[in-house]
Amino acid sequence: MIRLILVIDDDQGIRDIIRFALEPVGWQVKTAPSGHEGLIQAQAQPPDAILLDVTMPDLDGYTVAHRLRSQATTQNIPIILLTARVQGHTPQQLAELKVAGVITKPFRVRELADKVKKLLQWTD
């Protein structure tokens, strides 16, 4: 099964690394350079999962996640937060956003696909 992953991150390098890590396992990766663009893409073609940067200049990840959860077409898409901050997310925040998990940056490229599969409980 081909899965579509939307990566929303303002850092082109991170978007490229994630594409490099996830496409070899057979997933299709689309990217958005901003929270606003990510919301548009998620509405236009709802992905199977979203990797969402927390710190972005236009809309931060929390705002994007809240907006995704408020729309019928995107409210059930699994979200994994990407952050350089190891701490700062309370269990209550994560529960409110209904995120599948958090991946801290920097991450190991070779382990990223396995980490995403585990957080999303994907078996294929």
PDB file of N, CA and C in Angstrom:
ATOM      1  N   MET A   1       0.841  -1.187   0.000  1.00  0.00           N
ATOM      2  CA  MET A   1       0.000   0.000   0.000  1.00  0.00           C
ATOM      3  C   MET A   1       0.886   1.250   0.000  1.00  0.00           C
ATOM      4  N   ILE A   2       0.627   2.134  -0.941  1.00  0.00           N
ATOM      5  CA  ILE A   2       1.379   3.386  -0.994  1.00  0.00           C
ATOM      6  C   ILE A   2       0.701   4.392  -0.075  1.00  0.00           C
ATOM      7  N   ARG A   3       1.477   4.915   0.833  1.00  0.00           N
ATOM      8  CA  ARG A   3       0.955   5.905   1.781  1.00  0.00           C
ATOM      9  C   ARG A   3       1.460   7.287   1.385  1.00  0.00           C
ATOM     10  N   LEU A   4       0.613   8.278   1.598  1.00  0.00           N
ATOM     11  CA  LEU A   4       0.981   9.663   1.317  1.00  0.00           C
ATOM     12  C   LEU A   4       1.278  10.371   2.627  1.00  0.00           C
ATOM     13  N   ILE A   5       2.479  10.903   2.733  1.00  0.00           N
ATOM     14  CA  ILE A   5       2.917  11.644   3.910  1.00  0.00           C
ATOM     15  C   ILE A   5       3.091  13.108   3.505  1.00  0.00           C
ATOM     16  N   LEU A   6       2.482  14.007   4.266  1.00  0.00           N
ATOM     17  CA  LEU A   6       2.675  15.441   4.045  1.00  0.00           C
ATOM     18  C   LEU A   6       3.636  15.956   5.112  1.00  0.00           C
ATOM     19  N   VAL A   7       4.724  16.558   4.665  1.00  0.00           N
ATOM     20  CA  VAL A   7       5.713  17.132   5.573  1.00  0.00           C
ATOM     21  C   VAL A   7       5.556  18.646   5.532  1.00  0.00           C
ATOM     22  N   ILE A   8       5.233  19.232   6.684  1.00  0.00           N
ATOM     23  CA  ILE A   8       5.079  20.686   6.784  1.00  0.00           C
ATOM     24  C   ILE A   8       6.219  21.203   7.648  1.00  0.00           C
ATOM     25  N   ASP A   9       7.173  21.852   7.002  1.00  0.00           N
ATOM     26  CA  ASP A   9       8.360  22.354   7.705  1.00  0.00           C
ATOM     27  C   ASP A   9       8.929  23.503   6.894  1.00  0.00           C
ATOM     28  N   ASP A  10       9.327  24.594   7.554  1.00  0.00           N
ATOM     29  CA  ASP A  10       9.861  25.747   6.841  1.00  0.00           C
ATOM     30  C   ASP A  10      11.312  25.560   6.402  1.00  0.00           C
ATOM     31  N   ASP A  11      11.964  24.497   6.832  1.00  0.00           N
ATOM     32  CA  ASP A  11      13.365  24.245   6.502  1.00  0.00           C
ATOM     33  C   ASP A  11      13.457  23.289   5.311  1.00  0.00           C
ATOM     34  N   GLN A  12      13.931  23.810   4.173  1.00  0.00           N
ATOM     35  CA  GLN A  12      14.049  23.003   2.951  1.00  0.00           C
ATOM     36  C   GLN A  12      14.926  21.775   3.184  1.00  0.00           C
ATOM     37  N   GLY A  13      15.990  21.925   3.943  1.00  0.00           N
ATOM     38  CA  GLY A  13      16.882  20.803   4.218  1.00  0.00           C
ATOM     39  C   GLY A  13      16.170  19.666   4.947  1.00  0.00           C
ATOM     40  N   ILE A  14      15.363  20.012   5.927  1.00  0.00           N
ATOM     41  CA  ILE A  14      14.606  18.995   6.671  1.00  0.00           C
ATOM     42  C   ILE A  14      13.614  18.309   5.748  1.00  0.00           C
ATOM     43  N   ARG A  15      12.922  19.081   4.919  1.00  0.00           N
ATOM     44  CA  ARG A  15      11.959  18.481   3.972  1.00  0.00           C
ATOM     45  C   ARG A  15      12.672  17.507   3.048  1.00  0.00           C
ATOM     46  N   ASP A  16      13.839  17.876   2.553  1.00  0.00           N
ATOM     47  CA  ASP A  16      14.599  17.002   1.658  1.00  0.00           C
ATOM     48  C   ASP A  16      15.062  15.730   2.372  1.00  0.00           C
ATOM     49  N   ILE A  17      15.555  15.869   3.596  1.00  0.00           N
ATOM     50  CA  ILE A  17      16.026  14.709   4.356  1.00  0.00           C
ATOM     51  C   ILE A  17      14.874  13.743   4.626  1.00  0.00           C
ATOM     52  N   ILE A  18      13.720  14.277   4.997  1.00  0.00           N
ATOM     53  CA  ILE A  18      12.576  13.410   5.269  1.00  0.00           C
ATOM     54  C   ILE A  18      12.149  12.686   3.993  1.00  0.00           C
ATOM     55  N   ARG A  19      12.120  13.391   2.882  1.00  0.00           N
ATOM     56  CA  ARG A  19      11.788  12.741   1.597  1.00  0.00           C
ATOM     57  C   ARG A  19      12.787  11.613   1.318  1.00  0.00           C
ATOM     58  N   PHE A  20      14.065  11.895   1.499  1.00  0.00           N
ATOM     59  CA  PHE A  20      15.132  10.912   1.279  1.00  0.00           C
ATOM     60  C   PHE A  20      14.953   9.692   2.182  1.00  0.00           C
ATOM     61  N   ALA A  21      14.473   9.905   3.396  1.00  0.00           N
ATOM     62  CA  ALA A  21      14.309   8.809   4.358  1.00  0.00           C
ATOM     63  C   ALA A  21      13.048   7.989   4.120  1.00  0.00           C
ATOM     64  N   LEU A  22      11.984   8.620   3.651  1.00  0.00           N
ATOM     65  CA  LEU A  22      10.693   7.934   3.575  1.00  0.00           C
ATOM     66  C   LEU A  22      10.328   7.381   2.199  1.00  0.00           C
ATOM     67  N   GLU A  23      10.786   8.005   1.130  1.00  0.00           N
ATOM     68  CA  GLU A  23      10.421   7.499  -0.196  1.00  0.00           C
ATOM     69  C   GLU A  23      10.966   6.102  -0.485  1.00  0.00           C
ATOM     70  N   PRO A  24      12.181   5.744  -0.021  1.00  0.00           N
ATOM     71  CA  PRO A  24      12.672   4.396  -0.288  1.00  0.00           C
ATOM     72  C   PRO A  24      11.825   3.267   0.313  1.00  0.00           C
ATOM     73  N   VAL A  25      11.012   3.555   1.330  1.00  0.00           N
ATOM     74  CA  VAL A  25      10.159   2.507   1.895  1.00  0.00           C
ATOM     75  C   VAL A  25       8.838   2.412   1.133  1.00  0.00           C
ATOM     76  N   GLY A  26       8.691   3.215   0.085  1.00  0.00           N
ATOM     77  CA  GLY A  26       7.513   3.125  -0.758  1.00  0.00           C
ATOM     78  C   GLY A  26       6.433   4.142  -0.469  1.00  0.00           C
ATOM     79  N   TRP A  27       6.719   5.107   0.378  1.00  0.00           N
ATOM     80  CA  TRP A  27       5.733   6.136   0.682  1.00  0.00           C
ATOM     81  C   TRP A  27       5.915   7.313  -0.257  1.00  0.00           C
ATOM     82  N   GLN A  28       4.808   7.944  -0.597  1.00  0.00           N
ATOM     83  CA  GLN A  28       4.856   9.169  -1.384  1.00  0.00           C
ATOM     84  C   GLN A  28       4.966  10.332  -0.401  1.00  0.00           C
ATOM     85  N   VAL A  29       5.885  11.246  -0.659  1.00  0.00           N
ATOM     86  CA  VAL A  29       6.091  12.377   0.252  1.00  0.00           C
ATOM     87  C   VAL A  29       5.798  13.673  -0.485  1.00  0.00           C
ATOM     88  N   LYS A  30       4.876  14.441   0.074  1.00  0.00           N
ATOM     89  CA  LYS A  30       4.610  15.800  -0.410  1.00  0.00           C
ATOM     90  C   LYS A  30       5.104  16.741   0.668  1.00  0.00           C
ATOM     91  N   THR A  31       5.511  17.927   0.265  1.00  0.00           N
ATOM     92  CA  THR A  31       6.044  18.865   1.243  1.00  0.00           C
ATOM     93  C   THR A  31       5.372  20.225   1.116  1.00  0.00           C
ATOM     94  N   ALA A  32       5.368  20.932   2.232  1.00  0.00           N
ATOM     95  CA  ALA A  32       4.859  22.300   2.283  1.00  0.00           C
ATOM     96  C   ALA A  32       5.844  23.133   3.099  1.00  0.00           C
ATOM     97  N   PRO A  33       6.212  24.319   2.587  1.00  0.00           N
ATOM     98  CA  PRO A  33       7.208  25.152   3.265  1.00  0.00           C
ATOM     99  C   PRO A  33       6.647  26.041   4.371  1.00  0.00           C
ATOM    100  N   SER A  34       5.337  25.978   4.601  1.00  0.00           N
ATOM    101  CA  SER A  34       4.742  26.830   5.628  1.00  0.00           C
ATOM    102  C   SER A  34       3.478  26.170   6.161  1.00  0.00           C
ATOM    103  N   GLY A  35       3.054  26.623   7.324  1.00  0.00           N
ATOM    104  CA  GLY A  35       1.822  26.112   7.898  1.00  0.00           C
ATOM    105  C   GLY A  35       0.623  26.406   7.012  1.00  0.00           C
ATOM    106  N   HIS A  36       0.586  27.607   6.456  1.00  0.00           N
ATOM    107  CA  HIS A  36      -0.521  27.995   5.584  1.00  0.00           C
ATOM    108  C   HIS A  36      -0.592  27.078   4.362  1.00  0.00           C
ATOM    109  N   GLU A  37       0.542  26.871   3.696  1.00  0.00           N
ATOM    110  CA  GLU A  37       0.586  26.002   2.515  1.00  0.00           C
ATOM    111  C   GLU A  37       0.243  24.564   2.900  1.00  0.00           C
ATOM    112  N   GLY A  38       0.683  24.120   4.067  1.00  0.00           N
ATOM    113  CA  GLY A  38       0.360  22.773   4.529  1.00  0.00           C
ATOM    114  C   GLY A  38      -1.132  22.570   4.713  1.00  0.00           C
ATOM    115  N   LEU A  39      -1.813  23.565   5.265  1.00  0.00           N
ATOM    116  CA  LEU A  39      -3.262  23.475   5.432  1.00  0.00           C
ATOM    117  C   LEU A  39      -3.960  23.366   4.085  1.00  0.00           C
ATOM    118  N   ILE A  40      -3.511  24.142   3.116  1.00  0.00           N
ATOM    119  CA  ILE A  40      -4.097  24.099   1.770  1.00  0.00           C
ATOM    120  C   ILE A  40      -3.903  22.706   1.156  1.00  0.00           C
ATOM    121  N   GLN A  41      -2.673  22.189   1.249  1.00  0.00           N
ATOM    122  CA  GLN A  41      -2.396  20.879   0.664  1.00  0.00           C
ATOM    123  C   GLN A  41      -3.175  19.767   1.359  1.00  0.00           C
ATOM    124  N   ALA A  42      -3.280  19.833   2.676  1.00  0.00           N
ATOM    125  CA  ALA A  42      -4.000  18.801   3.425  1.00  0.00           C
ATOM    126  C   ALA A  42      -5.478  18.781   3.051  1.00  0.00           C
ATOM    127  N   GLN A  43      -6.054  19.945   2.810  1.00  0.00           N
ATOM    128  CA  GLN A  43      -7.454  20.026   2.386  1.00  0.00           C
ATOM    129  C   GLN A  43      -7.632  19.508   0.959  1.00  0.00           C
ATOM    130  N   ALA A  44      -6.709  19.875   0.078  1.00  0.00           N
ATOM    131  CA  ALA A  44      -6.817  19.512  -1.335  1.00  0.00           C
ATOM    132  C   ALA A  44      -6.648  18.017  -1.567  1.00  0.00           C
ATOM    133  N   GLN A  45      -5.703  17.414  -0.868  1.00  0.00           N
ATOM    134  CA  GLN A  45      -5.429  15.982  -0.999  1.00  0.00           C
ATOM    135  C   GLN A  45      -5.051  15.441   0.373  1.00  0.00           C
ATOM    136  N   PRO A  46      -6.053  15.044   1.168  1.00  0.00           N
ATOM    137  CA  PRO A  46      -5.759  14.578   2.524  1.00  0.00           C
ATOM    138  C   PRO A  46      -4.750  13.421   2.533  1.00  0.00           C
ATOM    139  N   PRO A  47      -3.647  13.605   3.259  1.00  0.00           N
ATOM    140  CA  PRO A  47      -2.627  12.561   3.318  1.00  0.00           C
ATOM    141  C   PRO A  47      -2.985  11.485   4.348  1.00  0.00           C
ATOM    142  N   ASP A  48      -2.199  10.425   4.354  1.00  0.00           N
ATOM    143  CA  ASP A  48      -2.373   9.364   5.349  1.00  0.00           C
ATOM    144  C   ASP A  48      -1.796   9.778   6.693  1.00  0.00           C
ATOM    145  N   ALA A  49      -0.826  10.699   6.679  1.00  0.00           N
ATOM    146  CA  ALA A  49      -0.218  11.212   7.908  1.00  0.00           C
ATOM    147  C   ALA A  49       0.483  12.524   7.599  1.00  0.00           C
ATOM    148  N   ILE A  50       0.689  13.316   8.659  1.00  0.00           N
ATOM    149  CA  ILE A  50       1.371  14.601   8.533  1.00  0.00           C
ATOM    150  C   ILE A  50       2.521  14.659   9.530  1.00  0.00           C
ATOM    151  N   LEU A  51       3.705  15.035   9.041  1.00  0.00           N
ATOM    152  CA  LEU A  51       4.841  15.351   9.910  1.00  0.00           C
ATOM    153  C   LEU A  51       4.889  16.872   9.961  1.00  0.00           C
ATOM    154  N   LEU A  52       4.716  17.425  11.144  1.00  0.00           N
ATOM    155  CA  LEU A  52       4.473  18.854  11.312  1.00  0.00           C
ATOM    156  C   LEU A  52       5.500  19.501  12.234  1.00  0.00           C
ATOM    157  N   ASP A  53       6.245  20.448  11.676  1.00  0.00           N
ATOM    158  CA  ASP A  53       7.206  21.210  12.468  1.00  0.00           C
ATOM    159  C   ASP A  53       6.456  22.092  13.464  1.00  0.00           C
ATOM    160  N   VAL A  54       6.965  22.174  14.666  1.00  0.00           N
ATOM    161  CA  VAL A  54       6.322  22.991  15.696  1.00  0.00           C
ATOM    162  C   VAL A  54       6.640  24.467  15.506  1.00  0.00           C
ATOM    163  N   THR A  55       7.891  24.803  15.183  1.00  0.00           N
ATOM    164  CA  THR A  55       8.321  26.192  15.111  1.00  0.00           C
ATOM    165  C   THR A  55       8.461  26.644  13.659  1.00  0.00           C
ATOM    166  N   MET A  56       7.481  27.423  13.209  1.00  0.00           N
ATOM    167  CA  MET A  56       7.504  27.986  11.855  1.00  0.00           C
ATOM    168  C   MET A  56       7.094  29.448  11.947  1.00  0.00           C
ATOM    169  N   PRO A  57       7.564  30.281  11.022  1.00  0.00           N
ATOM    170  CA  PRO A  57       7.309  31.711  11.136  1.00  0.00           C
ATOM    171  C   PRO A  57       5.867  32.148  10.874  1.00  0.00           C
ATOM    172  N   ASP A  58       5.154  31.524   9.947  1.00  0.00           N
ATOM    173  CA  ASP A  58       3.813  32.032   9.637  1.00  0.00           C
ATOM    174  C   ASP A  58       2.756  31.504  10.604  1.00  0.00           C
ATOM    175  N   LEU A  59       2.602  30.222  10.676  1.00  0.00           N
ATOM    176  CA  LEU A  59       1.696  29.576  11.627  1.00  0.00           C
ATOM    177  C   LEU A  59       2.498  28.492  12.325  1.00  0.00           C
ATOM    178  N   ASP A  60       2.512  28.490  13.649  1.00  0.00           N
ATOM    179  CA  ASP A  60       3.271  27.445  14.319  1.00  0.00           C
ATOM    180  C   ASP A  60       2.518  26.117  14.227  1.00  0.00           C
ATOM    181  N   GLY A  61       3.210  25.050  14.565  1.00  0.00           N
ATOM    182  CA  GLY A  61       2.641  23.717  14.451  1.00  0.00           C
ATOM    183  C   GLY A  61       1.392  23.505  15.276  1.00  0.00           C
ATOM    184  N   TYR A  62       1.335  24.122  16.452  1.00  0.00           N
ATOM    185  CA  TYR A  62       0.141  23.973  17.294  1.00  0.00           C
ATOM    186  C   TYR A  62      -1.089  24.591  16.619  1.00  0.00           C
ATOM    187  N   THR A  63      -0.906  25.761  16.015  1.00  0.00           N
ATOM    188  CA  THR A  63      -2.006  26.417  15.314  1.00  0.00           C
ATOM    189  C   THR A  63      -2.450  25.584  14.118  1.00  0.00           C
ATOM    190  N   VAL A  64      -1.481  25.074  13.367  1.00  0.00           N
ATOM    191  CA  VAL A  64      -1.803  24.228  12.213  1.00  0.00           C
ATOM    192  C   VAL A  64      -2.560  22.984  12.674  1.00  0.00           C
ATOM    193  N   ALA A  65      -2.087  22.346  13.724  1.00  0.00           N
ATOM    194  CA  ALA A  65      -2.754  21.141  14.233  1.00  0.00           C
ATOM    195  C   ALA A  65      -4.186  21.445  14.665  1.00  0.00           C
ATOM    196  N   HIS A  66      -4.387  22.550  15.371  1.00  0.00           N
ATOM    197  CA  HIS A  66      -5.746  22.936  15.780  1.00  0.00           C
ATOM    198  C   HIS A  66      -6.646  23.145  14.564  1.00  0.00           C
ATOM    199  N   ARG A  67      -6.113  23.796  13.542  1.00  0.00           N
ATOM    200  CA  ARG A  67      -6.917  24.041  12.336  1.00  0.00           C
ATOM    201  C   ARG A  67      -7.219  22.736  11.600  1.00  0.00           C
ATOM    202  N   LEU A  68      -6.243  21.833  11.548  1.00  0.00           N
ATOM    203  CA  LEU A  68      -6.484  20.528  10.922  1.00  0.00           C
ATOM    204  C   LEU A  68      -7.583  19.777  11.660  1.00  0.00           C
ATOM    205  N   ARG A  69      -7.554  19.836  12.985  1.00  0.00           N
ATOM    206  CA  ARG A  69      -8.542  19.122  13.803  1.00  0.00           C
ATOM    207  C   ARG A  69      -9.940  19.740  13.688  1.00  0.00           C
ATOM    208  N   SER A  70     -10.017  21.008  13.274  1.00  0.00           N
ATOM    209  CA  SER A  70     -11.314  21.677  13.194  1.00  0.00           C
ATOM    210  C   SER A  70     -12.014  21.473  11.851  1.00  0.00           C
ATOM    211  N   GLN A  71     -11.351  20.848  10.898  1.00  0.00           N
ATOM    212  CA  GLN A  71     -11.918  20.634   9.566  1.00  0.00           C
ATOM    213  C   GLN A  71     -12.317  19.165   9.391  1.00  0.00           C
ATOM    214  N   ALA A  72     -13.501  18.937   8.858  1.00  0.00           N
ATOM    215  CA  ALA A  72     -14.007  17.568   8.695  1.00  0.00           C
ATOM    216  C   ALA A  72     -13.084  16.704   7.834  1.00  0.00           C
ATOM    217  N   THR A  73     -12.504  17.279   6.781  1.00  0.00           N
ATOM    218  CA  THR A  73     -11.681  16.481   5.868  1.00  0.00           C
ATOM    219  C   THR A  73     -10.312  16.127   6.447  1.00  0.00           C
ATOM    220  N   THR A  74      -9.875  16.844   7.473  1.00  0.00           N
ATOM    221  CA  THR A  74      -8.528  16.606   8.006  1.00  0.00           C
ATOM    222  C   THR A  74      -8.506  16.238   9.483  1.00  0.00           C
ATOM    223  N   GLN A  75      -9.651  16.202  10.134  1.00  0.00           N
ATOM    224  CA  GLN A  75      -9.670  16.031  11.589  1.00  0.00           C
ATOM    225  C   GLN A  75      -9.125  14.695  12.083  1.00  0.00           C
ATOM    226  N   ASN A  76      -9.134  13.669  11.264  1.00  0.00           N
ATOM    227  CA  ASN A  76      -8.668  12.353  11.713  1.00  0.00           C
ATOM    228  C   ASN A  76      -7.310  11.949  11.150  1.00  0.00           C
ATOM    229  N   ILE A  77      -6.639  12.855  10.462  1.00  0.00           N
ATOM    230  CA  ILE A  77      -5.321  12.532   9.912  1.00  0.00           C
ATOM    231  C   ILE A  77      -4.315  12.473  11.057  1.00  0.00           C
ATOM    232  N   PRO A  78      -3.566  11.373  11.161  1.00  0.00           N
ATOM    233  CA  PRO A  78      -2.539  11.302  12.207  1.00  0.00           C
ATOM    234  C   PRO A  78      -1.469  12.378  12.006  1.00  0.00           C
ATOM    235  N   ILE A  79      -1.082  13.020  13.108  1.00  0.00           N
ATOM    236  CA  ILE A  79      -0.058  14.065  13.080  1.00  0.00           C
ATOM    237  C   ILE A  79       1.088  13.659  13.999  1.00  0.00           C
ATOM    238  N   ILE A  80       2.306  13.794  13.477  1.00  0.00           N
ATOM    239  CA  ILE A  80       3.506  13.629  14.287  1.00  0.00           C
ATOM    240  C   ILE A  80       4.202  14.985  14.304  1.00  0.00           C
ATOM    241  N   LEU A  81       4.439  15.505  15.491  1.00  0.00           N
ATOM    242  CA  LEU A  81       5.121  16.789  15.621  1.00  0.00           C
ATOM    243  C   LEU A  81       6.629  16.599  15.473  1.00  0.00           C
ATOM    244  N   LEU A  82       7.261  17.542  14.788  1.00  0.00           N
ATOM    245  CA  LEU A  82       8.717  17.584  14.653  1.00  0.00           C
ATOM    246  C   LEU A  82       9.193  18.805  15.427  1.00  0.00           C
ATOM    247  N   THR A  83      10.156  18.605  16.311  1.00  0.00           N
ATOM    248  CA  THR A  83      10.614  19.739  17.109  1.00  0.00           C
ATOM    249  C   THR A  83      12.074  19.589  17.506  1.00  0.00           C
ATOM    250  N   ALA A  84      12.744  20.713  17.614  1.00  0.00           N
ATOM    251  CA  ALA A  84      14.117  20.723  18.103  1.00  0.00           C
ATOM    252  C   ALA A  84      14.145  20.791  19.624  1.00  0.00           C
ATOM    253  N   ARG A  85      13.003  21.121  20.212  1.00  0.00           N
ATOM    254  CA  ARG A  85      12.918  21.215  21.667  1.00  0.00           C
ATOM    255  C   ARG A  85      12.543  19.859  22.249  1.00  0.00           C
ATOM    256  N   VAL A  86      13.403  19.317  23.063  1.00  0.00           N
ATOM    257  CA  VAL A  86      13.149  18.001  23.640  1.00  0.00           C
ATOM    258  C   VAL A  86      11.977  18.064  24.602  1.00  0.00           C
ATOM    259  N   GLN A  87      11.887  19.140  25.354  1.00  0.00           N
ATOM    260  CA  GLN A  87      10.788  19.295  26.295  1.00  0.00           C
ATOM    261  C   GLN A  87       9.942  20.484  25.873  1.00  0.00           C
ATOM    262  N   GLY A  88       8.838  20.670  26.550  1.00  0.00           N
ATOM    263  CA  GLY A  88       7.993  21.807  26.235  1.00  0.00           C
ATOM    264  C   GLY A  88       6.598  21.406  25.815  1.00  0.00           C
ATOM    265  N   HIS A  89       6.388  20.114  25.612  1.00  0.00           N
ATOM    266  CA  HIS A  89       5.059  19.632  25.248  1.00  0.00           C
ATOM    267  C   HIS A  89       4.479  18.903  26.450  1.00  0.00           C
ATOM    268  N   THR A  90       3.404  19.409  26.957  1.00  0.00           N
ATOM    269  CA  THR A  90       2.773  18.726  28.081  1.00  0.00           C
ATOM    270  C   THR A  90       1.885  17.609  27.545  1.00  0.00           C
ATOM    271  N   PRO A  91       1.695  16.549  28.327  1.00  0.00           N
ATOM    272  CA  PRO A  91       0.787  15.489  27.885  1.00  0.00           C
ATOM    273  C   PRO A  91      -0.605  16.030  27.556  1.00  0.00           C
ATOM    274  N   GLN A  92      -1.027  17.071  28.271  1.00  0.00           N
ATOM    275  CA  GLN A  92      -2.337  17.662  28.011  1.00  0.00           C
ATOM    276  C   GLN A  92      -2.380  18.308  26.625  1.00  0.00           C
ATOM    277  N   GLN A  93      -1.316  19.045  26.259  1.00  0.00           N
ATOM    278  CA  GLN A  93      -1.250  19.660  24.928  1.00  0.00           C
ATOM    279  C   GLN A  93      -1.331  18.593  23.847  1.00  0.00           C
ATOM    280  N   LEU A  94      -0.548  17.532  24.018  1.00  0.00           N
ATOM    281  CA  LEU A  94      -0.517  16.472  23.019  1.00  0.00           C
ATOM    282  C   LEU A  94      -1.868  15.776  22.920  1.00  0.00           C
ATOM    283  N   ALA A  95      -2.515  15.582  24.048  1.00  0.00           N
ATOM    284  CA  ALA A  95      -3.839  14.949  24.052  1.00  0.00           C
ATOM    285  C   ALA A  95      -4.866  15.844  23.364  1.00  0.00           C
ATOM    286  N   GLU A  96      -4.816  17.137  23.642  1.00  0.00           N
ATOM    287  CA  GLU A  96      -5.753  18.077  23.019  1.00  0.00           C
ATOM    288  C   GLU A  96      -5.590  18.105  21.503  1.00  0.00           C
ATOM    289  N   LEU A  97      -4.350  18.026  21.044  1.00  0.00           N
ATOM    290  CA  LEU A  97      -4.073  18.053  19.609  1.00  0.00           C
ATOM    291  C   LEU A  97      -4.266  16.689  18.957  1.00  0.00           C
ATOM    292  N   LYS A  98      -4.413  15.667  19.785  1.00  0.00           N
ATOM    293  CA  LYS A  98      -4.567  14.288  19.297  1.00  0.00           C
ATOM    294  C   LYS A  98      -3.426  13.905  18.374  1.00  0.00           C
ATOM    295  N   VAL A  99      -2.202  14.209  18.801  1.00  0.00           N
ATOM    296  CA  VAL A  99      -1.042  13.852  17.982  1.00  0.00           C
ATOM    297  C   VAL A  99      -0.630  12.415  18.274  1.00  0.00           C
ATOM    298  N   ALA A 100      -0.093  11.779  17.240  1.00  0.00           N
ATOM    299  CA  ALA A 100       0.350  10.393  17.373  1.00  0.00           C
ATOM    300  C   ALA A 100       1.674  10.303  18.129  1.00  0.00           C
ATOM    301  N   GLY A 101       2.436  11.400  18.127  1.00  0.00           N
ATOM    302  CA  GLY A 101       3.715  11.394  18.815  1.00  0.00           C
ATOM    303  C   GLY A 101       4.560  12.591  18.441  1.00  0.00           C
ATOM    304  N   VAL A 102       5.778  12.590  18.962  1.00  0.00           N
ATOM    305  CA  VAL A 102       6.728  13.671  18.735  1.00  0.00           C
ATOM    306  C   VAL A 102       8.058  13.062  18.325  1.00  0.00           C
ATOM    307  N   ILE A 103       8.660  13.609  17.287  1.00  0.00           N
ATOM    308  CA  ILE A 103      10.013  13.228  16.871  1.00  0.00           C
ATOM    309  C   ILE A 103      10.884  14.459  17.050  1.00  0.00           C
ATOM    310  N   THR A 104      11.969  14.295  17.811  1.00  0.00           N
ATOM    311  CA  THR A 104      12.857  15.433  18.044  1.00  0.00           C
ATOM    312  C   THR A 104      13.923  15.517  16.951  1.00  0.00           C
ATOM    313  N   LYS A 105      14.259  16.757  16.621  1.00  0.00           N
ATOM    314  CA  LYS A 105      15.335  17.029  15.670  1.00  0.00           C
ATOM    315  C   LYS A 105      16.580  17.355  16.472  1.00  0.00           C
ATOM    316  N   PRO A 106      17.720  16.938  16.039  1.00  0.00           N
ATOM    317  CA  PRO A 106      17.946  16.136  14.837  1.00  0.00           C
ATOM    318  C   PRO A 106      17.542  14.673  15.070  1.00  0.00           C
ATOM    319  N   PHE A 107      17.172  14.008  14.009  1.00  0.00           N
ATOM    320  CA  PHE A 107      16.808  12.596  14.088  1.00  0.00           C
ATOM    321  C   PHE A 107      17.742  11.807  13.180  1.00  0.00           C
ATOM    322  N   ARG A 108      17.785  10.515  13.396  1.00  0.00           N
ATOM    323  CA  ARG A 108      18.617   9.650  12.558  1.00  0.00           C
ATOM    324  C   ARG A 108      17.826   9.288  11.308  1.00  0.00           C
ATOM    325  N   VAL A 109      18.362   9.640  10.156  1.00  0.00           N
ATOM    326  CA  VAL A 109      17.667   9.432   8.888  1.00  0.00           C
ATOM    327  C   VAL A 109      17.303   7.963   8.696  1.00  0.00           C
ATOM    328  N   ARG A 110      18.221   7.076   9.012  1.00  0.00           N
ATOM    329  CA  ARG A 110      17.983   5.641   8.795  1.00  0.00           C
ATOM    330  C   ARG A 110      16.905   5.073   9.707  1.00  0.00           C
ATOM    331  N   GLU A 111      16.620   5.759  10.796  1.00  0.00           N
ATOM    332  CA  GLU A 111      15.614   5.269  11.744  1.00  0.00           C
ATOM    333  C   GLU A 111      14.266   5.968  11.592  1.00  0.00           C
ATOM    334  N   LEU A 112      14.193   6.985  10.746  1.00  0.00           N
ATOM    335  CA  LEU A 112      12.979   7.798  10.673  1.00  0.00           C
ATOM    336  C   LEU A 112      11.763   6.998  10.225  1.00  0.00           C
ATOM    337  N   ALA A 113      11.881   6.222   9.162  1.00  0.00           N
ATOM    338  CA  ALA A 113      10.730   5.457   8.669  1.00  0.00           C
ATOM    339  C   ALA A 113      10.219   4.492   9.736  1.00  0.00           C
ATOM    340  N   ASP A 114      11.123   3.813  10.423  1.00  0.00           N
ATOM    341  CA  ASP A 114      10.705   2.885  11.479  1.00  0.00           C
ATOM    342  C   ASP A 114      10.016   3.627  12.621  1.00  0.00           C
ATOM    343  N   LYS A 115      10.532   4.802  12.953  1.00  0.00           N
ATOM    344  CA  LYS A 115       9.935   5.601  14.033  1.00  0.00           C
ATOM    345  C   LYS A 115       8.525   6.045  13.650  1.00  0.00           C
ATOM    346  N   VAL A 116       8.357   6.488  12.400  1.00  0.00           N
ATOM    347  CA  VAL A 116       7.039   6.909  11.920  1.00  0.00           C
ATOM    348  C   VAL A 116       6.079   5.720  11.938  1.00  0.00           C
ATOM    349  N   LYS A 117       6.509   4.575  11.426  1.00  0.00           N
ATOM    350  CA  LYS A 117       5.664   3.368  11.431  1.00  0.00           C
ATOM    351  C   LYS A 117       5.226   3.013  12.845  1.00  0.00           C
ATOM    352  N   LYS A 118       6.151   3.081  13.787  1.00  0.00           N
ATOM    353  CA  LYS A 118       5.841   2.714  15.160  1.00  0.00           C
ATOM    354  C   LYS A 118       4.826   3.689  15.770  1.00  0.00           C
ATOM    355  N   LEU A 119       5.062   4.996  15.607  1.00  0.00           N
ATOM    356  CA  LEU A 119       4.146   5.994  16.166  1.00  0.00           C
ATOM    357  C   LEU A 119       2.745   5.888  15.568  1.00  0.00           C
ATOM    358  N   LEU A 120       2.684   5.556  14.275  1.00  0.00           N
ATOM    359  CA  LEU A 120       1.381   5.478  13.614  1.00  0.00           C
ATOM    360  C   LEU A 120       0.769   4.078  13.667  1.00  0.00           C
ATOM    361  N   GLN A 121       1.537   3.138  14.206  1.00  0.00           N
ATOM    362  CA  GLN A 121       1.107   1.741  14.321  1.00  0.00           C
ATOM    363  C   GLN A 121       0.781   1.154  12.945  1.00  0.00           C
ATOM    364  N   TRP A 122       1.616   1.487  11.970  1.00  0.00           N
ATOM    365  CA  TRP A 122       1.463   0.937  10.625  1.00  0.00           C
ATOM    366  C   TRP A 122       2.247  -0.369  10.570  1.00  0.00           C
ATOM    367  N   THR A 123       1.663  -1.394   9.997  1.00  0.00           N
ATOM    368  CA  THR A 123       2.330  -2.692   9.936  1.00  0.00           C
ATOM    369  C   THR A 123       2.938  -2.971   8.570  1.00  0.00           C
ATOM    370  N   ASP A 124       2.579  -2.219   7.553  1.00  0.00           N
ATOM    371  CA  ASP A 124       3.151  -2.483   6.230  1.00  0.00           C
ATOM    372  C   ASP A 124       4.293  -1.575   5.919  1.00  0.00           C
TER     373      ASP A 124
END
